[in-house]
N, C-alpha and C. Protein backbone atom coordinates (compact mmCIF):
# COMPACT_ATOMS: atom_id res chain seq x y z
N UNK A 1 135.38 86.51 57.97
CA UNK A 1 136.45 86.03 57.08
C UNK A 1 135.62 87.28 55.72
N UNK A 2 137.47 87.47 55.35
CA UNK A 2 137.64 88.69 54.36
C UNK A 2 138.35 88.11 53.27
N UNK A 3 137.77 88.80 51.95
CA UNK A 3 138.63 88.25 50.60
C UNK A 3 140.20 89.00 51.02
N UNK A 4 141.18 88.40 50.62
CA UNK A 4 142.61 88.48 50.96
C UNK A 4 143.79 88.34 49.34
N UNK A 5 142.90 87.01 49.01
CA UNK A 5 144.03 87.20 47.70
C UNK A 5 142.98 87.30 46.51
N UNK A 6 143.63 87.39 45.56
CA UNK A 6 142.60 86.91 44.12
C UNK A 6 143.27 86.16 42.80
N UNK A 7 143.43 85.50 42.93
CA UNK A 7 144.37 84.28 41.96
C UNK A 7 143.97 84.77 40.13
N UNK A 8 145.25 84.92 39.61
CA UNK A 8 144.95 85.32 38.17
C UNK A 8 145.71 84.60 37.18
N UNK A 9 145.01 84.31 36.51
CA UNK A 9 145.90 83.09 35.60
C UNK A 9 146.91 84.01 34.53
N UNK A 10 148.29 83.83 34.49
CA UNK A 10 149.02 84.05 33.49
C UNK A 10 150.08 83.22 32.84
N UNK A 11 149.75 83.48 31.52
CA UNK A 11 150.82 83.04 30.02
C UNK A 11 152.16 82.94 30.51
N UNK A 12 152.76 84.01 30.62
CA UNK A 12 153.64 84.63 30.60
C UNK A 12 153.26 85.58 32.03
N UNK A 13 154.31 85.16 33.48
CA UNK A 13 154.15 86.13 34.86
C UNK A 13 155.00 87.30 34.91
N UNK A 14 156.29 87.95 33.28
CA UNK A 14 156.55 88.70 34.05
C UNK A 14 155.71 89.73 33.07
N UNK A 15 155.62 89.70 31.62
CA UNK A 15 154.24 90.56 31.49
C UNK A 15 153.29 90.60 31.99
N UNK A 16 152.09 89.87 33.01
CA UNK A 16 151.29 90.14 33.66
C UNK A 16 151.51 91.22 35.32
N UNK A 17 153.32 90.66 35.58
CA UNK A 17 153.38 91.78 37.03
C UNK A 17 153.80 93.12 35.45
N UNK A 18 154.03 92.79 34.70
CA UNK A 18 154.58 94.46 34.11
C UNK A 18 153.27 94.77 33.57
N UNK A 19 152.89 94.25 33.51
CA UNK A 19 150.53 94.80 33.22
C UNK A 19 150.68 95.88 34.17
N UNK A 20 150.85 94.85 35.39
CA UNK A 20 149.45 95.75 36.26
C UNK A 20 150.71 96.59 37.52
N UNK A 21 152.05 96.08 37.86
CA UNK A 21 152.45 97.52 38.08
C UNK A 21 152.94 98.25 37.85
N UNK A 22 153.40 98.61 36.37
CA UNK A 22 152.87 100.00 35.46
C UNK A 22 152.56 100.51 34.71
N UNK A 23 150.96 99.62 33.79
CA UNK A 23 149.64 100.30 33.90
C UNK A 23 148.99 100.29 34.10
N UNK A 24 148.70 99.53 35.94
CA UNK A 24 147.57 99.74 36.66
C UNK A 24 147.48 100.15 38.51
N UNK A 25 149.61 100.56 38.35
CA UNK A 25 150.02 100.80 40.00
C UNK A 25 149.88 100.13 40.60
N UNK A 26 149.85 99.25 40.38
CA UNK A 26 150.36 97.45 41.78
C UNK A 26 151.55 97.75 42.20
N UNK A 27 151.87 97.40 43.07
CA UNK A 27 153.53 97.65 44.06
C UNK A 27 153.16 95.61 44.19
N UNK A 28 154.43 95.15 43.86
CA UNK A 28 154.59 94.25 44.71
C UNK A 28 155.42 93.35 45.92
N UNK A 29 154.73 92.62 46.80
CA UNK A 29 154.52 93.02 47.99
C UNK A 29 155.48 91.71 48.62
N UNK A 30 155.29 90.83 47.84
CA UNK A 30 156.07 89.58 48.24
C UNK A 30 156.01 87.96 47.19
N UNK A 31 156.51 87.00 47.56
CA UNK A 31 156.07 86.39 46.55
C UNK A 31 155.59 84.93 47.68
N UNK A 32 154.82 84.07 47.08
CA UNK A 32 154.02 83.68 47.13
C UNK A 32 153.98 81.77 46.99
N UNK A 33 153.96 80.99 48.43
CA UNK A 33 153.90 79.28 47.35
C UNK A 33 152.83 78.69 47.93
N UNK A 34 151.84 78.81 46.94
CA UNK A 34 150.45 77.58 47.42
C UNK A 34 151.21 76.32 46.61
N UNK A 35 151.57 76.17 46.47
CA UNK A 35 151.68 74.33 46.03
C UNK A 35 154.04 74.66 45.52
N UNK A 36 153.81 72.86 45.77
CA UNK A 36 155.34 72.90 46.25
C UNK A 36 156.06 73.09 44.60
N UNK A 37 156.88 73.84 44.81
CA UNK A 37 158.11 74.13 43.72
C UNK A 37 157.17 75.05 43.01
N UNK A 38 156.09 75.93 42.99
CA UNK A 38 155.03 76.96 42.38
C UNK A 38 155.34 77.89 43.10
N UNK A 39 155.76 79.22 42.73
CA UNK A 39 155.93 80.23 43.32
C UNK A 39 155.07 81.27 42.79
N UNK A 40 154.87 82.47 43.42
CA UNK A 40 153.00 83.59 42.77
C UNK A 40 153.82 84.78 43.48
N UNK A 41 153.94 86.01 42.97
CA UNK A 41 154.32 86.81 42.94
C UNK A 41 152.56 87.64 43.53
N UNK A 42 152.80 88.12 44.96
CA UNK A 42 151.94 88.75 44.96
C UNK A 42 151.98 90.55 44.80
N UNK A 43 150.38 91.14 44.26
CA UNK A 43 150.73 92.36 44.31
C UNK A 43 149.46 92.78 44.72
N UNK A 44 149.80 94.74 45.23
CA UNK A 44 148.79 95.12 46.03
C UNK A 44 149.47 96.92 45.63
N UNK A 45 147.73 97.06 45.52
CA UNK A 45 147.34 98.64 44.96
C UNK A 45 147.08 98.93 46.02
N UNK A 46 147.96 100.42 46.51
CA UNK A 46 148.29 101.70 47.74
C UNK A 46 146.11 101.26 48.61
N UNK A 47 145.14 101.71 47.20
CA UNK A 47 143.98 101.50 47.76
C UNK A 47 143.18 100.68 47.96
N UNK A 48 143.56 99.36 48.38
CA UNK A 48 143.39 98.06 47.94
C UNK A 48 143.22 96.82 48.79
N UNK A 49 142.35 96.67 49.94
CA UNK A 49 143.04 95.87 50.68
C UNK A 49 142.79 94.43 50.66
N UNK A 50 142.71 93.93 49.19
CA UNK A 50 143.33 92.46 49.11
C UNK A 50 144.15 92.44 48.26
N UNK A 51 144.60 91.46 47.51
CA UNK A 51 146.25 91.58 46.67
C UNK A 51 146.12 90.55 45.40
N UNK A 52 146.56 90.84 44.31
CA UNK A 52 146.70 89.84 43.61
C UNK A 52 147.69 88.73 43.73
N UNK A 53 147.16 87.50 42.71
CA UNK A 53 148.02 86.32 42.83
C UNK A 53 148.28 86.09 41.43
N UNK A 54 149.97 86.58 40.88
CA UNK A 54 150.03 86.25 40.05
C UNK A 54 150.41 84.84 39.44
N UNK A 55 150.22 83.62 38.03
CA UNK A 55 150.62 83.14 38.67
C UNK A 55 150.13 81.94 37.52
N UNK A 56 150.74 80.44 36.75
CA UNK A 56 150.16 80.01 35.67
C UNK A 56 149.09 79.00 36.26
N UNK A 57 147.82 79.49 37.07
CA UNK A 57 147.04 78.11 37.19
C UNK A 57 146.64 78.30 35.77
N UNK A 58 145.81 77.15 35.82
CA UNK A 58 145.14 77.38 35.19
C UNK A 58 143.25 77.19 34.79
N UNK A 59 142.98 78.37 35.13
CA UNK A 59 141.72 79.54 35.21
C UNK A 59 142.26 81.07 34.57
N UNK A 60 141.46 81.39 34.34
CA UNK A 60 140.84 82.61 33.78
C UNK A 60 139.88 83.17 34.52
N UNK A 61 139.76 84.99 35.25
CA UNK A 61 139.36 84.86 35.57
C UNK A 61 138.34 86.69 35.24
N UNK A 62 137.99 87.01 35.97
CA UNK A 62 137.00 88.47 36.36
C UNK A 62 137.00 88.78 37.99
N UNK A 63 137.34 90.73 37.52
CA UNK A 63 138.07 90.85 38.82
C UNK A 63 137.22 91.78 38.29
N UNK A 64 136.51 92.29 39.36
CA UNK A 64 135.16 93.96 39.26
C UNK A 64 136.61 94.43 40.38
N UNK A 65 136.97 95.77 40.07
CA UNK A 65 137.97 96.36 40.41
C UNK A 65 136.80 98.05 40.47
N UNK A 66 136.61 98.51 42.11
CA UNK A 66 135.31 99.67 42.67
C UNK A 66 136.32 100.83 42.59
N UNK A 67 135.78 101.36 42.16
CA UNK A 67 136.30 102.89 41.31
C UNK A 67 134.85 104.00 42.05
N UNK A 68 134.71 104.96 42.71
CA UNK A 68 134.27 106.14 42.57
C UNK A 68 133.99 107.50 41.81
N UNK A 69 135.13 107.07 40.53
CA UNK A 69 135.61 107.90 39.35
C UNK A 69 135.10 106.99 38.25
N UNK A 70 134.60 106.52 37.48
CA UNK A 70 135.08 105.61 37.09
C UNK A 70 136.10 106.74 35.28
N UNK A 71 135.00 107.05 35.21
CA UNK A 71 135.29 108.01 33.65
C UNK A 71 136.83 108.78 34.09
N UNK A 72 137.19 108.98 35.67
CA UNK A 72 138.30 109.49 35.90
C UNK A 72 139.83 108.53 35.76
N UNK A 73 138.82 107.60 35.99
CA UNK A 73 140.02 105.92 36.01
C UNK A 73 140.77 105.19 34.30
N UNK A 74 139.11 104.92 34.06
CA UNK A 74 139.01 105.03 32.48
C UNK A 74 139.79 105.63 31.57
N UNK A 75 140.03 107.07 31.87
CA UNK A 75 140.76 107.53 30.75
C UNK A 75 142.68 107.51 31.33
N UNK A 76 142.45 108.11 32.26
CA UNK A 76 143.72 106.96 33.14
C UNK A 76 144.34 106.24 32.55
N UNK A 77 143.30 105.05 32.99
CA UNK A 77 144.02 103.59 32.47
C UNK A 77 144.94 103.54 30.96
N UNK A 78 143.49 104.41 30.20
CA UNK A 78 143.62 104.11 28.31
C UNK A 78 144.74 105.37 28.60
N UNK A 79 145.39 106.37 29.39
CA UNK A 79 146.38 106.64 28.86
C UNK A 79 147.88 106.30 28.80
N UNK A 80 147.50 105.24 30.29
CA UNK A 80 148.74 103.71 30.50
C UNK A 80 149.00 102.90 30.08
N UNK A 81 147.92 103.08 28.14
CA UNK A 81 148.24 101.53 27.15
C UNK A 81 147.05 100.29 27.54
N UNK A 82 146.03 100.37 28.66
CA UNK A 82 145.13 99.91 28.47
C UNK A 82 144.06 99.92 27.25
N UNK A 83 143.66 98.32 27.16
CA UNK A 83 142.90 98.61 25.86
C UNK A 83 141.80 98.54 26.57
N UNK A 84 141.21 99.27 26.57
CA UNK A 84 138.96 99.04 27.11
C UNK A 84 138.75 97.72 25.76
N UNK A 85 137.72 96.72 26.21
CA UNK A 85 136.61 96.26 25.48
C UNK A 85 135.38 96.63 25.19
N UNK A 86 134.84 97.63 25.81
CA UNK A 86 133.72 98.45 26.48
C UNK A 86 134.84 100.19 26.79
N UNK A 87 133.39 101.22 26.47
CA UNK A 87 134.03 102.04 27.04
C UNK A 87 132.76 102.29 28.09
N UNK A 88 132.78 102.86 29.16
CA UNK A 88 131.93 103.03 30.09
C UNK A 88 130.86 103.37 29.92
N UNK A 89 129.30 102.42 30.58
CA UNK A 89 128.63 102.74 29.54
C UNK A 89 127.43 102.06 31.28
N UNK A 90 126.95 102.37 31.01
CA UNK A 90 125.38 102.34 32.46
C UNK A 90 125.23 100.92 32.39
N UNK A 91 125.36 100.67 33.67
CA UNK A 91 124.48 99.73 33.87
C UNK A 91 123.05 99.93 35.28
N UNK A 92 122.85 97.61 35.84
CA UNK A 92 122.00 98.47 36.66
C UNK A 92 122.52 99.02 38.53
N UNK A 93 123.80 98.34 37.93
CA UNK A 93 124.98 98.44 39.04
C UNK A 93 125.31 100.09 39.23
N UNK A 94 125.77 100.07 38.27
CA UNK A 94 126.45 101.46 38.39
C UNK A 94 127.12 101.57 37.24
N UNK A 95 128.30 102.85 36.84
CA UNK A 95 129.11 102.80 35.47
C UNK A 95 129.82 101.92 35.76
N UNK A 96 130.30 101.46 34.58
CA UNK A 96 131.74 100.04 34.04
C UNK A 96 131.95 100.57 32.62
N UNK A 97 133.42 99.94 33.04
CA UNK A 97 134.17 99.68 31.20
C UNK A 97 135.01 98.67 31.72
N UNK A 98 135.44 97.97 31.17
CA UNK A 98 135.85 96.52 30.66
C UNK A 98 137.18 96.79 30.05
N UNK A 99 138.36 95.19 30.24
CA UNK A 99 139.59 95.76 29.72
C UNK A 99 139.94 93.98 30.08
N UNK A 100 140.40 93.82 28.96
CA UNK A 100 141.56 92.08 28.86
C UNK A 100 143.38 92.41 29.44
N UNK A 101 143.07 92.21 30.39
CA UNK A 101 145.35 91.69 30.48
C UNK A 101 145.63 91.21 29.35
N UNK A 102 147.21 90.87 29.51
CA UNK A 102 147.79 90.72 28.48
C UNK A 102 147.34 88.63 28.31
N UNK A 103 147.03 88.61 29.89
CA UNK A 103 146.80 86.73 29.77
C UNK A 103 144.65 86.31 28.94
N UNK A 104 144.04 87.50 28.88
CA UNK A 104 142.59 87.64 29.22
C UNK A 104 142.10 87.41 29.92
N UNK A 105 142.33 88.41 31.18
CA UNK A 105 141.44 87.67 32.33
C UNK A 105 140.62 89.05 31.72
N UNK A 106 139.89 89.00 32.13
CA UNK A 106 139.02 90.27 32.12
C UNK A 106 138.44 90.91 33.34
N UNK A 107 138.58 92.09 33.51
CA UNK A 107 138.21 92.77 34.19
C UNK A 107 137.01 93.83 34.03
N UNK A 108 136.64 94.63 35.03
CA UNK A 108 135.56 95.05 35.28
C UNK A 108 135.59 96.21 36.28
N UNK A 109 135.61 97.58 36.24
CA UNK A 109 135.83 98.39 36.39
C UNK A 109 134.49 99.38 36.64
N UNK A 110 133.99 99.94 37.93
CA UNK A 110 132.51 99.65 38.35
C UNK A 110 132.48 101.08 39.61
N UNK A 111 131.56 102.12 39.06
CA UNK A 111 131.34 103.01 39.44
C UNK A 111 130.11 102.60 40.13
N UNK A 112 129.72 101.77 41.38
CA UNK A 112 128.45 102.20 41.60
C UNK A 112 127.63 102.86 42.10
N UNK A 113 126.23 102.80 41.59
CA UNK A 113 125.58 103.10 41.45
C UNK A 113 123.57 103.26 42.83
N UNK A 114 123.47 104.19 43.25
CA UNK A 114 122.30 103.56 43.37
C UNK A 114 121.36 104.17 42.47
N UNK A 115 120.33 104.00 41.51
CA UNK A 115 119.67 104.87 41.05
C UNK A 115 117.95 104.75 41.16
N UNK A 116 117.49 104.09 42.75
CA UNK A 116 116.65 104.18 43.30
C UNK A 116 116.59 105.51 44.42
N UNK A 117 117.96 105.87 44.71
CA UNK A 117 117.66 108.03 45.55
C UNK A 117 117.14 108.30 45.19
N UNK A 118 116.42 108.77 45.74
CA UNK A 118 116.25 110.52 45.32
C UNK A 118 116.77 111.47 45.23
């Protein structure tokens, strides 16, 4: 089994799609229907094996974006206009920073680190 799609709540689908494509670098790859009469945009970043499914679901999510350089990506996204709710900080799992998308979905930019290595 492998994770292939991550559903993302959208109050305004056009604003969500614009945020992911213009600020985070995702590309639209298709549209998909999970329920009759409902179509969702499928977006994917070049370096990810999973795709975001943007639609009007009745939930909000937390998505962890794994990175090999949290500080670099933090500054890249901040320059693109992403508002971060936290600055990069050290957690037991690694270096992380959090931001919200226009509909309030929480994202954690995480550079995993093993602090037990010598």
